[in-house]
Amino acid sequence: KDEMGILYRTAFFDIMKSRAKKVDMADIEVPFGTLRVDRV
């Protein structure tokens, strides 16, 4: 989703076999780049 200017995505390492290895991602745009908030 995109909520309050924050982009939420999930990165799966091997979704074909398991959903047990992933990173929840939240991107907040700032001047010259991105503030990255990850939950492993």
Full PDB file with SEQRES, HELIX, SHEET, SSBOND, CRYST1, ORIGX, SCALE, CONECT and MASTER records, all heavy atoms in Angstrom:
SEQRES   1 A   40  LYS ASP GLU MET GLY ILE LEU TYR ARG THR ALA PHE PHE          
SEQRES   2 A   40  ASP ILE MET LYS SER ARG ALA LYS LYS VAL ASP MET ALA          
SEQRES   3 A   40  ASP ILE GLU VAL PRO PHE GLY THR LEU ARG VAL ASP ARG          
SEQRES   4 A   40  VAL                                                          
SHEET    1 AA1 4 ASP A   2  GLU A   3  0                                        
SHEET    2 AA1 4 ILE A   6  PHE A  12 -1                                        
SHEET    3 AA1 4 LYS A  22  VAL A  30 -1                                        
SHEET    4 AA1 4 GLY A  33  ARG A  39 -1                                        
CRYST1    1.000    1.000    1.000  90.00  90.00  90.00 P 1           1          
ORIGX1      1.000000  0.000000  0.000000        0.00000                         
ORIGX2      0.000000  1.000000  0.000000        0.00000                         
ORIGX3      0.000000  0.000000  1.000000        0.00000                         
SCALE1      1.000000  0.000000  0.000000        0.00000                         
SCALE2      0.000000  1.000000  0.000000        0.00000                         
SCALE3      0.000000  0.000000  1.000000        0.00000                         
ATOM      1  N   LYS A   1       0.834  -1.192   0.000  1.00  0.00           N  
ATOM      2  CA  LYS A   1       0.000   0.000   0.000  1.00  0.00           C  
ATOM      3  C   LYS A   1       0.874   1.250   0.000  1.00  0.00           C  
ATOM      4  O   LYS A   1       2.080   1.196   0.224  1.00  0.00           O  
ATOM      5  CB  LYS A   1      -0.919   0.021   1.221  1.00  0.00           C  
ATOM      6  CG  LYS A   1      -0.173   0.086   2.559  1.00  0.00           C  
ATOM      7  CD  LYS A   1      -1.137   0.112   3.734  1.00  0.00           C  
ATOM      8  CE  LYS A   1      -0.383   0.130   5.062  1.00  0.00           C  
ATOM      9  NZ  LYS A   1      -1.296   0.215   6.227  1.00  0.00           N  
ATOM     10  N   ASP A   2       0.240   2.366  -0.267  1.00  0.00           N  
ATOM     11  CA  ASP A   2       0.851   3.686  -0.121  1.00  0.00           C  
ATOM     12  C   ASP A   2      -0.035   4.443   0.854  1.00  0.00           C  
ATOM     13  O   ASP A   2      -1.183   4.758   0.545  1.00  0.00           O  
ATOM     14  CB  ASP A   2       0.905   4.400  -1.476  1.00  0.00           C  
ATOM     15  CG  ASP A   2       1.585   5.765  -1.401  1.00  0.00           C  
ATOM     16  OD1 ASP A   2       1.616   6.357  -0.306  1.00  0.00           O  
ATOM     17  OD2 ASP A   2       2.065   6.243  -2.431  1.00  0.00           O  
ATOM     18  N   GLU A   3       0.505   4.732   2.026  1.00  0.00           N  
ATOM     19  CA  GLU A   3      -0.294   5.355   3.077  1.00  0.00           C  
ATOM     20  C   GLU A   3       0.498   6.471   3.742  1.00  0.00           C  
ATOM     21  O   GLU A   3       1.643   6.269   4.156  1.00  0.00           O  
ATOM     22  CB  GLU A   3      -0.691   4.299   4.111  1.00  0.00           C  
ATOM     23  CG  GLU A   3      -1.607   4.806   5.203  1.00  0.00           C  
ATOM     24  CD  GLU A   3      -2.046   3.673   6.115  1.00  0.00           C  
ATOM     25  OE1 GLU A   3      -3.092   3.053   5.816  1.00  0.00           O  
ATOM     26  OE2 GLU A   3      -1.334   3.386   7.099  1.00  0.00           O  
ATOM     27  N   MET A   4      -0.082   7.650   3.794  1.00  0.00           N  
ATOM     28  CA  MET A   4       0.556   8.810   4.417  1.00  0.00           C  
ATOM     29  C   MET A   4       1.929   9.087   3.801  1.00  0.00           C  
ATOM     30  O   MET A   4       2.875   9.482   4.487  1.00  0.00           O  
ATOM     31  CB  MET A   4       0.679   8.602   5.926  1.00  0.00           C  
ATOM     32  CG  MET A   4      -0.628   8.384   6.647  1.00  0.00           C  
ATOM     33  SD  MET A   4      -1.705   9.836   6.582  1.00  0.00           S  
ATOM     34  CE  MET A   4      -0.800  10.956   7.662  1.00  0.00           C  
ATOM     35  N   GLY A   5       2.040   8.851   2.498  1.00  0.00           N  
ATOM     36  CA  GLY A   5       3.301   9.111   1.820  1.00  0.00           C  
ATOM     37  C   GLY A   5       4.345   8.031   2.000  1.00  0.00           C  
ATOM     38  O   GLY A   5       5.470   8.173   1.512  1.00  0.00           O  
ATOM     39  N   ILE A   6       4.002   6.949   2.693  1.00  0.00           N  
ATOM     40  CA  ILE A   6       4.935   5.847   2.919  1.00  0.00           C  
ATOM     41  C   ILE A   6       4.568   4.692   1.994  1.00  0.00           C  
ATOM     42  O   ILE A   6       3.411   4.272   1.929  1.00  0.00           O  
ATOM     43  CB  ILE A   6       4.907   5.376   4.385  1.00  0.00           C  
ATOM     44  CG1 ILE A   6       5.229   6.539   5.326  1.00  0.00           C  
ATOM     45  CG2 ILE A   6       5.906   4.239   4.598  1.00  0.00           C  
ATOM     46  CD1 ILE A   6       5.089   6.191   6.798  1.00  0.00           C  
ATOM     47  N   LEU A   7       5.553   4.172   1.264  1.00  0.00           N  
ATOM     48  CA  LEU A   7       5.350   3.044   0.370  1.00  0.00           C  
ATOM     49  C   LEU A   7       5.687   1.751   1.103  1.00  0.00           C  
ATOM     50  O   LEU A   7       6.801   1.589   1.613  1.00  0.00           O  
ATOM     51  CB  LEU A   7       6.240   3.178  -0.870  1.00  0.00           C  
ATOM     52  CG  LEU A   7       6.261   1.983  -1.835  1.00  0.00           C  
ATOM     53  CD1 LEU A   7       4.897   1.787  -2.485  1.00  0.00           C  
ATOM     54  CD2 LEU A   7       7.356   2.158  -2.885  1.00  0.00           C  
ATOM     55  N   TYR A   8       4.729   0.831   1.153  1.00  0.00           N  
ATOM     56  CA  TYR A   8       4.925  -0.448   1.819  1.00  0.00           C  
ATOM     57  C   TYR A   8       4.994  -1.571   0.782  1.00  0.00           C  
ATOM     58  O   TYR A   8       4.105  -1.725  -0.054  1.00  0.00           O  
ATOM     59  CB  TYR A   8       3.779  -0.734   2.793  1.00  0.00           C  
ATOM     60  CG  TYR A   8       3.717   0.221   3.964  1.00  0.00           C  
ATOM     61  CD1 TYR A   8       2.905   1.347   3.923  1.00  0.00           C  
ATOM     62  CD2 TYR A   8       4.470  -0.014   5.114  1.00  0.00           C  
ATOM     63  CE1 TYR A   8       2.837   2.224   4.994  1.00  0.00           C  
ATOM     64  CE2 TYR A   8       4.416   0.851   6.196  1.00  0.00           C  
ATOM     65  CZ  TYR A   8       3.593   1.977   6.130  1.00  0.00           C  
ATOM     66  OH  TYR A   8       3.540   2.837   7.192  1.00  0.00           O  
ATOM     67  N   ARG A   9       6.065  -2.359   0.847  1.00  0.00           N  
ATOM     68  CA  ARG A   9       6.231  -3.527  -0.001  1.00  0.00           C  
ATOM     69  C   ARG A   9       6.782  -4.676   0.846  1.00  0.00           C  
ATOM     70  O   ARG A   9       7.245  -4.460   1.965  1.00  0.00           O  
ATOM     71  CB  ARG A   9       7.215  -3.247  -1.144  1.00  0.00           C  
ATOM     72  CG  ARG A   9       6.767  -2.189  -2.123  1.00  0.00           C  
ATOM     73  CD  ARG A   9       7.870  -1.861  -3.132  1.00  0.00           C  
ATOM     74  NE  ARG A   9       8.999  -1.172  -2.518  1.00  0.00           N  
ATOM     75  CZ  ARG A   9      10.172  -0.961  -3.114  1.00  0.00           C  
ATOM     76  NH1 ARG A   9      10.382  -1.427  -4.342  1.00  0.00           N  
ATOM     77  NH2 ARG A   9      11.144  -0.310  -2.494  1.00  0.00           N  
ATOM     78  N   THR A  10       6.756  -5.885   0.302  1.00  0.00           N  
ATOM     79  CA  THR A  10       7.381  -7.032   0.959  1.00  0.00           C  
ATOM     80  C   THR A  10       8.280  -7.749  -0.032  1.00  0.00           C  
ATOM     81  O   THR A  10       7.862  -8.028  -1.165  1.00  0.00           O  
ATOM     82  CB  THR A  10       6.339  -8.018   1.511  1.00  0.00           C  
ATOM     83  OG1 THR A  10       5.542  -7.369   2.497  1.00  0.00           O  
ATOM     84  CG2 THR A  10       7.021  -9.229   2.142  1.00  0.00           C  
ATOM     85  N   ALA A  11       9.507  -8.032   0.383  1.00  0.00           N  
ATOM     86  CA  ALA A  11      10.467  -8.757  -0.448  1.00  0.00           C  
ATOM     87  C   ALA A  11      10.562 -10.194   0.059  1.00  0.00           C  
ATOM     88  O   ALA A  11      10.860 -10.419   1.239  1.00  0.00           O  
ATOM     89  CB  ALA A  11      11.832  -8.087  -0.382  1.00  0.00           C  
ATOM     90  N   PHE A  12      10.293 -11.157  -0.823  1.00  0.00           N  
ATOM     91  CA  PHE A  12      10.360 -12.576  -0.470  1.00  0.00           C  
ATOM     92  C   PHE A  12      11.625 -13.184  -1.075  1.00  0.00           C  
ATOM     93  O   PHE A  12      11.906 -12.989  -2.249  1.00  0.00           O  
ATOM     94  CB  PHE A  12       9.140 -13.320  -1.018  1.00  0.00           C  
ATOM     95  CG  PHE A  12       7.829 -12.882  -0.430  1.00  0.00           C  
ATOM     96  CD1 PHE A  12       7.104 -11.850  -1.006  1.00  0.00           C  
ATOM     97  CD2 PHE A  12       7.329 -13.508   0.698  1.00  0.00           C  
ATOM     98  CE1 PHE A  12       5.892 -11.448  -0.469  1.00  0.00           C  
ATOM     99  CE2 PHE A  12       6.110 -13.113   1.245  1.00  0.00           C  
ATOM    100  CZ  PHE A  12       5.395 -12.077   0.665  1.00  0.00           C  
ATOM    101  N   PHE A  13      12.334 -13.966  -0.271  1.00  0.00           N  
ATOM    102  CA  PHE A  13      13.566 -14.587  -0.764  1.00  0.00           C  
ATOM    103  C   PHE A  13      13.289 -15.830  -1.607  1.00  0.00           C  
ATOM    104  O   PHE A  13      14.052 -16.133  -2.520  1.00  0.00           O  
ATOM    105  CB  PHE A  13      14.498 -14.922   0.396  1.00  0.00           C  
ATOM    106  CG  PHE A  13      15.193 -13.714   0.944  1.00  0.00           C  
ATOM    107  CD1 PHE A  13      14.665 -13.014   2.010  1.00  0.00           C  
ATOM    108  CD2 PHE A  13      16.362 -13.243   0.365  1.00  0.00           C  
ATOM    109  CE1 PHE A  13      15.292 -11.880   2.505  1.00  0.00           C  
ATOM    110  CE2 PHE A  13      16.999 -12.110   0.843  1.00  0.00           C  
ATOM    111  CZ  PHE A  13      16.453 -11.424   1.920  1.00  0.00           C  
ATOM    112  N   ASP A  14      12.230 -16.558  -1.291  1.00  0.00           N  
ATOM    113  CA  ASP A  14      11.891 -17.716  -2.115  1.00  0.00           C  
ATOM    114  C   ASP A  14      10.419 -18.033  -1.927  1.00  0.00           C  
ATOM    115  O   ASP A  14      10.053 -19.003  -1.263  1.00  0.00           O  
ATOM    116  CB  ASP A  14      12.750 -18.928  -1.749  1.00  0.00           C  
ATOM    117  CG  ASP A  14      12.643 -20.039  -2.787  1.00  0.00           C  
ATOM    118  OD1 ASP A  14      11.790 -19.912  -3.682  1.00  0.00           O  
ATOM    119  OD2 ASP A  14      13.397 -21.018  -2.695  1.00  0.00           O  
ATOM    120  N   ILE A  15       9.574 -17.213  -2.512  1.00  0.00           N  
ATOM    121  CA  ILE A  15       8.135 -17.365  -2.323  1.00  0.00           C  
ATOM    122  C   ILE A  15       7.616 -18.662  -2.941  1.00  0.00           C  
ATOM    123  O   ILE A  15       6.558 -19.160  -2.569  1.00  0.00           O  
ATOM    124  CB  ILE A  15       7.385 -16.143  -2.912  1.00  0.00           C  
ATOM    125  CG1 ILE A  15       5.965 -16.090  -2.369  1.00  0.00           C  
ATOM    126  CG2 ILE A  15       7.421 -16.169  -4.422  1.00  0.00           C  
ATOM    127  CD1 ILE A  15       5.222 -14.828  -2.737  1.00  0.00           C  
ATOM    128  N   MET A  16       8.365 -19.222  -3.885  1.00  0.00           N  
ATOM    129  CA  MET A  16       7.949 -20.471  -4.519  1.00  0.00           C  
ATOM    130  C   MET A  16       7.912 -21.623  -3.501  1.00  0.00           C  
ATOM    131  O   MET A  16       7.117 -22.545  -3.618  1.00  0.00           O  
ATOM    132  CB  MET A  16       8.901 -20.841  -5.654  1.00  0.00           C  
ATOM    133  CG  MET A  16       9.078 -19.773  -6.720  1.00  0.00           C  
ATOM    134  SD  MET A  16       7.603 -19.567  -7.718  1.00  0.00           S  
ATOM    135  CE  MET A  16       8.246 -18.514  -9.031  1.00  0.00           C  
ATOM    136  N   LYS A  17       8.780 -21.566  -2.490  1.00  0.00           N  
ATOM    137  CA  LYS A  17       8.893 -22.652  -1.520  1.00  0.00           C  
ATOM    138  C   LYS A  17       8.345 -22.277  -0.145  1.00  0.00           C  
ATOM    139  O   LYS A  17       7.760 -23.099   0.536  1.00  0.00           O  
ATOM    140  CB  LYS A  17      10.362 -23.071  -1.378  1.00  0.00           C  
ATOM    141  CG  LYS A  17      10.962 -23.655  -2.644  1.00  0.00           C  
ATOM    142  CD  LYS A  17      12.415 -24.046  -2.408  1.00  0.00           C  
ATOM    143  CE  LYS A  17      13.036 -24.637  -3.671  1.00  0.00           C  
ATOM    144  NZ  LYS A  17      14.468 -24.985  -3.470  1.00  0.00           N  
ATOM    145  N   SER A  18       8.598 -21.029   0.262  1.00  0.00           N  
ATOM    146  CA  SER A  18       8.243 -20.653   1.630  1.00  0.00           C  
ATOM    147  C   SER A  18       8.066 -19.146   1.742  1.00  0.00           C  
ATOM    148  O   SER A  18       8.665 -18.383   0.991  1.00  0.00           O  
ATOM    149  CB  SER A  18       9.348 -21.102   2.599  1.00  0.00           C  
ATOM    150  OG  SER A  18       9.169 -20.529   3.869  1.00  0.00           O  
ATOM    151  N   ARG A  19       7.209 -18.751   2.679  1.00  0.00           N  
ATOM    152  CA  ARG A  19       7.069 -17.327   2.977  1.00  0.00           C  
ATOM    153  C   ARG A  19       7.754 -16.969   4.298  1.00  0.00           C  
ATOM    154  O   ARG A  19       7.492 -15.937   4.880  1.00  0.00           O  
ATOM    155  CB  ARG A  19       5.588 -16.948   3.061  1.00  0.00           C  
ATOM    156  CG  ARG A  19       4.867 -17.062   1.728  1.00  0.00           C  
ATOM    157  CD  ARG A  19       3.491 -16.450   1.797  1.00  0.00           C  
ATOM    158  NE  ARG A  19       2.820 -16.487   0.514  1.00  0.00           N  
ATOM    159  CZ  ARG A  19       1.678 -15.865   0.256  1.00  0.00           C  
ATOM    160  NH1 ARG A  19       1.087 -15.163   1.204  1.00  0.00           N  
ATOM    161  NH2 ARG A  19       1.122 -15.937  -0.930  1.00  0.00           N  
ATOM    162  N   ALA A  20       8.644 -17.829   4.733  1.00  0.00           N  
ATOM    163  CA  ALA A  20       9.274 -17.639   6.039  1.00  0.00           C  
ATOM    164  C   ALA A  20      10.483 -16.722   5.988  1.00  0.00           C  
ATOM    165  O   ALA A  20      10.980 -16.305   7.028  1.00  0.00           O  
ATOM    166  CB  ALA A  20       9.690 -18.986   6.627  1.00  0.00           C  
ATOM    167  N   LYS A  21      10.967 -16.402   4.798  1.00  0.00           N  
ATOM    168  CA  LYS A  21      12.132 -15.525   4.673  1.00  0.00           C  
ATOM    169  C   LYS A  21      11.731 -14.304   3.844  1.00  0.00           C  
ATOM    170  O   LYS A  21      11.553 -14.410   2.627  1.00  0.00           O  
ATOM    171  CB  LYS A  21      13.307 -16.263   4.022  1.00  0.00           C  
ATOM    172  CG  LYS A  21      13.870 -17.386   4.870  1.00  0.00           C  
ATOM    173  CD  LYS A  21      15.156 -17.948   4.293  1.00  0.00           C  
ATOM    174  CE  LYS A  21      14.921 -18.709   3.016  1.00  0.00           C  
ATOM    175  NZ  LYS A  21      16.159 -19.392   2.549  1.00  0.00           N  
ATOM    176  N   LYS A  22      11.600 -13.177   4.516  1.00  0.00           N  
ATOM    177  CA  LYS A  22      11.127 -11.982   3.822  1.00  0.00           C  
ATOM    178  C   LYS A  22      11.516 -10.736   4.596  1.00  0.00           C  
ATOM    179  O   LYS A  22      11.902 -10.785   5.772  1.00  0.00           O  
ATOM    180  CB  LYS A  22       9.623 -12.034   3.635  1.00  0.00           C  
ATOM    181  CG  LYS A  22       8.838 -12.334   4.898  1.00  0.00           C  
ATOM    182  CD  LYS A  22       7.424 -12.775   4.563  1.00  0.00           C  
ATOM    183  CE  LYS A  22       6.751 -13.408   5.764  1.00  0.00           C  
ATOM    184  NZ  LYS A  22       5.425 -13.967   5.442  1.00  0.00           N  
ATOM    185  N   VAL A  23      11.391  -9.607   3.904  1.00  0.00           N  
ATOM    186  CA  VAL A  23      11.646  -8.301   4.508  1.00  0.00           C  
ATOM    187  C   VAL A  23      10.450  -7.413   4.201  1.00  0.00           C  
ATOM    188  O   VAL A  23      10.084  -7.213   3.043  1.00  0.00           O  
ATOM    189  CB  VAL A  23      12.928  -7.646   3.942  1.00  0.00           C  
ATOM    190  CG1 VAL A  23      13.130  -6.261   4.566  1.00  0.00           C  
ATOM    191  CG2 VAL A  23      14.145  -8.516   4.199  1.00  0.00           C  
ATOM    192  N   ASP A  24       9.825  -6.888   5.250  1.00  0.00           N  
ATOM    193  CA  ASP A  24       8.779  -5.885   5.076  1.00  0.00           C  
ATOM    194  C   ASP A  24       9.459  -4.530   4.914  1.00  0.00           C  
ATOM    195  O   ASP A  24      10.296  -4.145   5.741  1.00  0.00           O  
ATOM    196  CB  ASP A  24       7.850  -5.855   6.296  1.00  0.00           C  
ATOM    197  CG  ASP A  24       7.087  -7.161   6.459  1.00  0.00           C  
ATOM    198  OD1 ASP A  24       6.636  -7.704   5.439  1.00  0.00           O  
ATOM    199  OD2 ASP A  24       6.952  -7.634   7.607  1.00  0.00           O  
ATOM    200  N   MET A  25       9.090  -3.811   3.879  1.00  0.00           N  
ATOM    201  CA  MET A  25       9.780  -2.569   3.516  1.00  0.00           C  
ATOM    202  C   MET A  25       8.843  -1.374   3.635  1.00  0.00           C  
ATOM    203  O   MET A  25       7.680  -1.448   3.236  1.00  0.00           O  
ATOM    204  CB  MET A  25      10.290  -2.665   2.071  1.00  0.00           C  
ATOM    205  CG  MET A  25      11.080  -3.911   1.760  1.00  0.00           C  
ATOM    206  SD  MET A  25      11.096  -4.303  -0.015  1.00  0.00           S  
ATOM    207  CE  MET A  25      11.932  -2.848  -0.667  1.00  0.00           C  
ATOM    208  N   ALA A  26       9.379  -0.285   4.146  1.00  0.00           N  
ATOM    209  CA  ALA A  26       8.652   0.984   4.170  1.00  0.00           C  
ATOM    210  C   ALA A  26       9.608   2.069   3.681  1.00  0.00           C  
ATOM    211  O   ALA A  26      10.664   2.284   4.277  1.00  0.00           O  
ATOM    212  CB  ALA A  26       8.148   1.309   5.571  1.00  0.00           C  
ATOM    213  N   ASP A  27       9.244   2.747   2.597  1.00  0.00           N  
ATOM    214  CA  ASP A  27      10.089   3.784   1.994  1.00  0.00           C  
ATOM    215  C   ASP A  27       9.479   5.155   2.246  1.00  0.00           C  
ATOM    216  O   ASP A  27       8.311   5.398   1.912  1.00  0.00           O  
ATOM    217  CB  ASP A  27      10.213   3.577   0.482  1.00  0.00           C  
ATOM    218  CG  ASP A  27      11.120   2.413   0.126  1.00  0.00           C  
ATOM    219  OD1 ASP A  27      11.346   1.565   1.002  1.00  0.00           O  
ATOM    220  OD2 ASP A  27      11.579   2.346  -1.028  1.00  0.00           O  
ATOM    221  N   ILE A  28      10.270   6.054   2.809  1.00  0.00           N  
ATOM    222  CA  ILE A  28       9.862   7.440   3.036  1.00  0.00           C  
ATOM    223  C   ILE A  28      10.807   8.321   2.231  1.00  0.00           C  
ATOM    224  O   ILE A  28      12.022   8.317   2.452  1.00  0.00           O  
ATOM    225  CB  ILE A  28       9.936   7.805   4.532  1.00  0.00           C  
ATOM    226  CG1 ILE A  28       9.069   6.855   5.361  1.00  0.00           C  
ATOM    227  CG2 ILE A  28       9.505   9.252   4.745  1.00  0.00           C  
ATOM    228  CD1 ILE A  28       9.277   6.982   6.858  1.00  0.00           C  
ATOM    229  N   GLU A  29      10.268   9.067   1.279  1.00  0.00           N  
ATOM    230  CA  GLU A  29      11.106   9.877   0.393  1.00  0.00           C  
ATOM    231  C   GLU A  29      11.559  11.152   1.086  1.00  0.00           C  
ATOM    232  O   GLU A  29      10.771  11.844   1.730  1.00  0.00           O  
ATOM    233  CB  GLU A  29      10.350  10.215  -0.890  1.00  0.00           C  
ATOM    234  CG  GLU A  29       9.652   9.023  -1.548  1.00  0.00           C  
ATOM    235  CD  GLU A  29      10.540   7.805  -1.755  1.00  0.00           C  
ATOM    236  OE1 GLU A  29      11.771   7.970  -1.869  1.00  0.00           O  
ATOM    237  OE2 GLU A  29      10.003   6.684  -1.799  1.00  0.00           O  
ATOM    238  N   VAL A  30      12.852  11.456   0.952  1.00  0.00           N  
ATOM    239  CA  VAL A  30      13.462  12.644   1.548  1.00  0.00           C  
ATOM    240  C   VAL A  30      14.341  13.308   0.492  1.00  0.00           C  
ATOM    241  O   VAL A  30      14.611  12.716  -0.555  1.00  0.00           O  
ATOM    242  CB  VAL A  30      14.313  12.272   2.787  1.00  0.00           C  
ATOM    243  CG1 VAL A  30      13.468  11.573   3.835  1.00  0.00           C  
ATOM    244  CG2 VAL A  30      15.495  11.404   2.388  1.00  0.00           C  
ATOM    245  N   PRO A  31      14.796  14.536   0.703  1.00  0.00           N  
ATOM    246  CA  PRO A  31      15.697  15.173  -0.266  1.00  0.00           C  
ATOM    247  C   PRO A  31      16.917  14.302  -0.556  1.00  0.00           C  
ATOM    248  O   PRO A  31      17.563  13.803   0.366  1.00  0.00           O  
ATOM    249  CB  PRO A  31      16.088  16.476   0.434  1.00  0.00           C  
ATOM    250  CG  PRO A  31      14.917  16.799   1.313  1.00  0.00           C  
ATOM    251  CD  PRO A  31      14.437  15.464   1.806  1.00  0.00           C  
ATOM    252  N   PHE A  32      17.191  14.056  -1.822  1.00  0.00           N  
ATOM    253  CA  PHE A  32      18.329  13.290  -2.328  1.00  0.00           C  
ATOM    254  C   PHE A  32      18.219  11.786  -2.121  1.00  0.00           C  
ATOM    255  O   PHE A  32      19.131  11.052  -2.472  1.00  0.00           O  
ATOM    256  CB  PHE A  32      19.656  13.781  -1.721  1.00  0.00           C  
ATOM    257  CG  PHE A  32      20.003  15.191  -2.083  1.00  0.00           C  
ATOM    258  CD1 PHE A  32      19.858  16.217  -1.163  1.00  0.00           C  
ATOM    259  CD2 PHE A  32      20.468  15.506  -3.357  1.00  0.00           C  
ATOM    260  CE1 PHE A  32      20.178  17.525  -1.491  1.00  0.00           C  
ATOM    261  CE2 PHE A  32      20.780  16.806  -3.699  1.00  0.00           C  
ATOM    262  CZ  PHE A  32      20.640  17.829  -2.769  1.00  0.00           C  
ATOM    263  N   GLY A  33      17.113  11.293  -1.553  1.00  0.00           N  
ATOM    264  CA  GLY A  33      17.059   9.848  -1.385  1.00  0.00           C  
ATOM    265  C   GLY A  33      15.858   9.342  -0.623  1.00  0.00           C  
ATOM    266  O   GLY A  33      14.761   9.898  -0.690  1.00  0.00           O  
ATOM    267  N   THR A  34      16.092   8.278   0.154  1.00  0.00           N  
ATOM    268  CA  THR A  34      15.012   7.549   0.819  1.00  0.00           C  
ATOM    269  C   THR A  34      15.412   7.162   2.233  1.00  0.00           C  
ATOM    270  O   THR A  34      16.533   6.691   2.465  1.00  0.00           O  
ATOM    271  CB  THR A  34      14.672   6.253   0.049  1.00  0.00           C  
ATOM    272  OG1 THR A  34      14.300   6.584  -1.294  1.00  0.00           O  
ATOM    273  CG2 THR A  34      13.530   5.503   0.703  1.00  0.00           C  
ATOM    274  N   LEU A  35      14.495   7.363   3.164  1.00  0.00           N  
ATOM    275  CA  LEU A  35      14.630   6.794   4.494  1.00  0.00           C  
ATOM    276  C   LEU A  35      13.978   5.417   4.446  1.00  0.00           C  
ATOM    277  O   LEU A  35      12.783   5.296   4.182  1.00  0.00           O  
ATOM    278  CB  LEU A  35      13.941   7.667   5.537  1.00  0.00           C  
ATOM    279  CG  LEU A  35      13.956   7.119   6.971  1.00  0.00           C  
ATOM    280  CD1 LEU A  35      15.379   7.077   7.512  1.00  0.00           C  
ATOM    281  CD2 LEU A  35      13.064   7.945   7.888  1.00  0.00           C  
ATOM    282  N   ARG A  36      14.767   4.372   4.683  1.00  0.00           N  
ATOM    283  CA  ARG A  36      14.281   3.006   4.572  1.00  0.00           C  
ATOM    284  C   ARG A  36      14.042   2.417   5.963  1.00  0.00           C  
ATOM    285  O   ARG A  36      14.943   2.416   6.817  1.00  0.00           O  
ATOM    286  CB  ARG A  36      15.290   2.140   3.813  1.00  0.00           C  
ATOM    287  CG  ARG A  36      15.573   2.665   2.419  1.00  0.00           C  
ATOM    288  CD  ARG A  36      16.403   1.700   1.586  1.00  0.00           C  
ATOM    289  NE  ARG A  36      16.489   2.197   0.221  1.00  0.00           N  
ATOM    290  CZ  ARG A  36      15.529   2.076  -0.676  1.00  0.00           C  
ATOM    291  NH1 ARG A  36      14.422   1.446  -0.338  1.00  0.00           N  
ATOM    292  NH2 ARG A  36      15.659   2.577  -1.883  1.00  0.00           N  
ATOM    293  N   VAL A  37      12.841   1.914   6.156  1.00  0.00           N  
ATOM    294  CA  VAL A  37      12.477   1.254   7.408  1.00  0.00           C  
ATOM    295  C   VAL A  37      12.116  -0.185   7.072  1.00  0.00           C  
ATOM    296  O   VAL A  37      11.152  -0.440   6.349  1.00  0.00           O  
ATOM    297  CB  VAL A  37      11.286   1.961   8.092  1.00  0.00           C  
ATOM    298  CG1 VAL A  37      10.990   1.301   9.437  1.00  0.00           C  
ATOM    299  CG2 VAL A  37      11.561   3.445   8.271  1.00  0.00           C  
ATOM    300  N   ASP A  38      12.898  -1.122   7.578  1.00  0.00           N  
ATOM    301  CA  ASP A  38      12.715  -2.533   7.240  1.00  0.00           C  
ATOM    302  C   ASP A  38      12.399  -3.361   8.478  1.00  0.00           C  
ATOM    303  O   ASP A  38      12.946  -3.107   9.569  1.00  0.00           O  
ATOM    304  CB  ASP A  38      13.981  -3.108   6.592  1.00  0.00           C  
ATOM    305  CG  ASP A  38      14.308  -2.438   5.269  1.00  0.00           C  
ATOM    306  OD1 ASP A  38      13.364  -2.145   4.518  1.00  0.00           O  
ATOM    307  OD2 ASP A  38      15.503  -2.205   4.995  1.00  0.00           O  
ATOM    308  N   ARG A  39      11.522  -4.333   8.300  1.00  0.00           N  
ATOM    309  CA  ARG A  39      11.267  -5.334   9.339  1.00  0.00           C  
ATOM    310  C   ARG A  39      11.634  -6.688   8.756  1.00  0.00           C  
ATOM    311  O   ARG A  39      11.031  -7.139   7.778  1.00  0.00           O  
ATOM    312  CB  ARG A  39       9.803  -5.318   9.772  1.00  0.00           C  
ATOM    313  CG  ARG A  39       9.485  -6.331  10.869  1.00  0.00           C  
ATOM    314  CD  ARG A  39       8.056  -6.217  11.360  1.00  0.00           C  
ATOM    315  NE  ARG A  39       7.081  -6.562  10.328  1.00  0.00           N  
ATOM    316  CZ  ARG A  39       5.757  -6.488  10.499  1.00  0.00           C  
ATOM    317  NH1 ARG A  39       5.282  -6.032  11.651  1.00  0.00           N  
ATOM    318  NH2 ARG A  39       4.936  -6.839   9.531  1.00  0.00           N  
ATOM    319  N   VAL A  40      12.620  -7.351   9.358  1.00  0.00           N  
ATOM    320  CA  VAL A  40      13.128  -8.612   8.833  1.00  0.00           C  
ATOM    321  C   VAL A  40      12.406  -9.777   9.489  1.00  0.00           C  
ATOM    322  O   VAL A  40      12.288  -9.839  10.720  1.00  0.00           O  
ATOM    323  CB  VAL A  40      14.646  -8.744   9.088  1.00  0.00           C  
ATOM    324  CG1 VAL A  40      15.183 -10.000   8.414  1.00  0.00           C  
ATOM    325  CG2 VAL A  40      15.369  -7.517   8.580  1.00  0.00           C  
TER     326      VAL A  40                                                      
MASTER        0    0    0    0    4    0    0    6  325    1    0    4          
END                                                                             
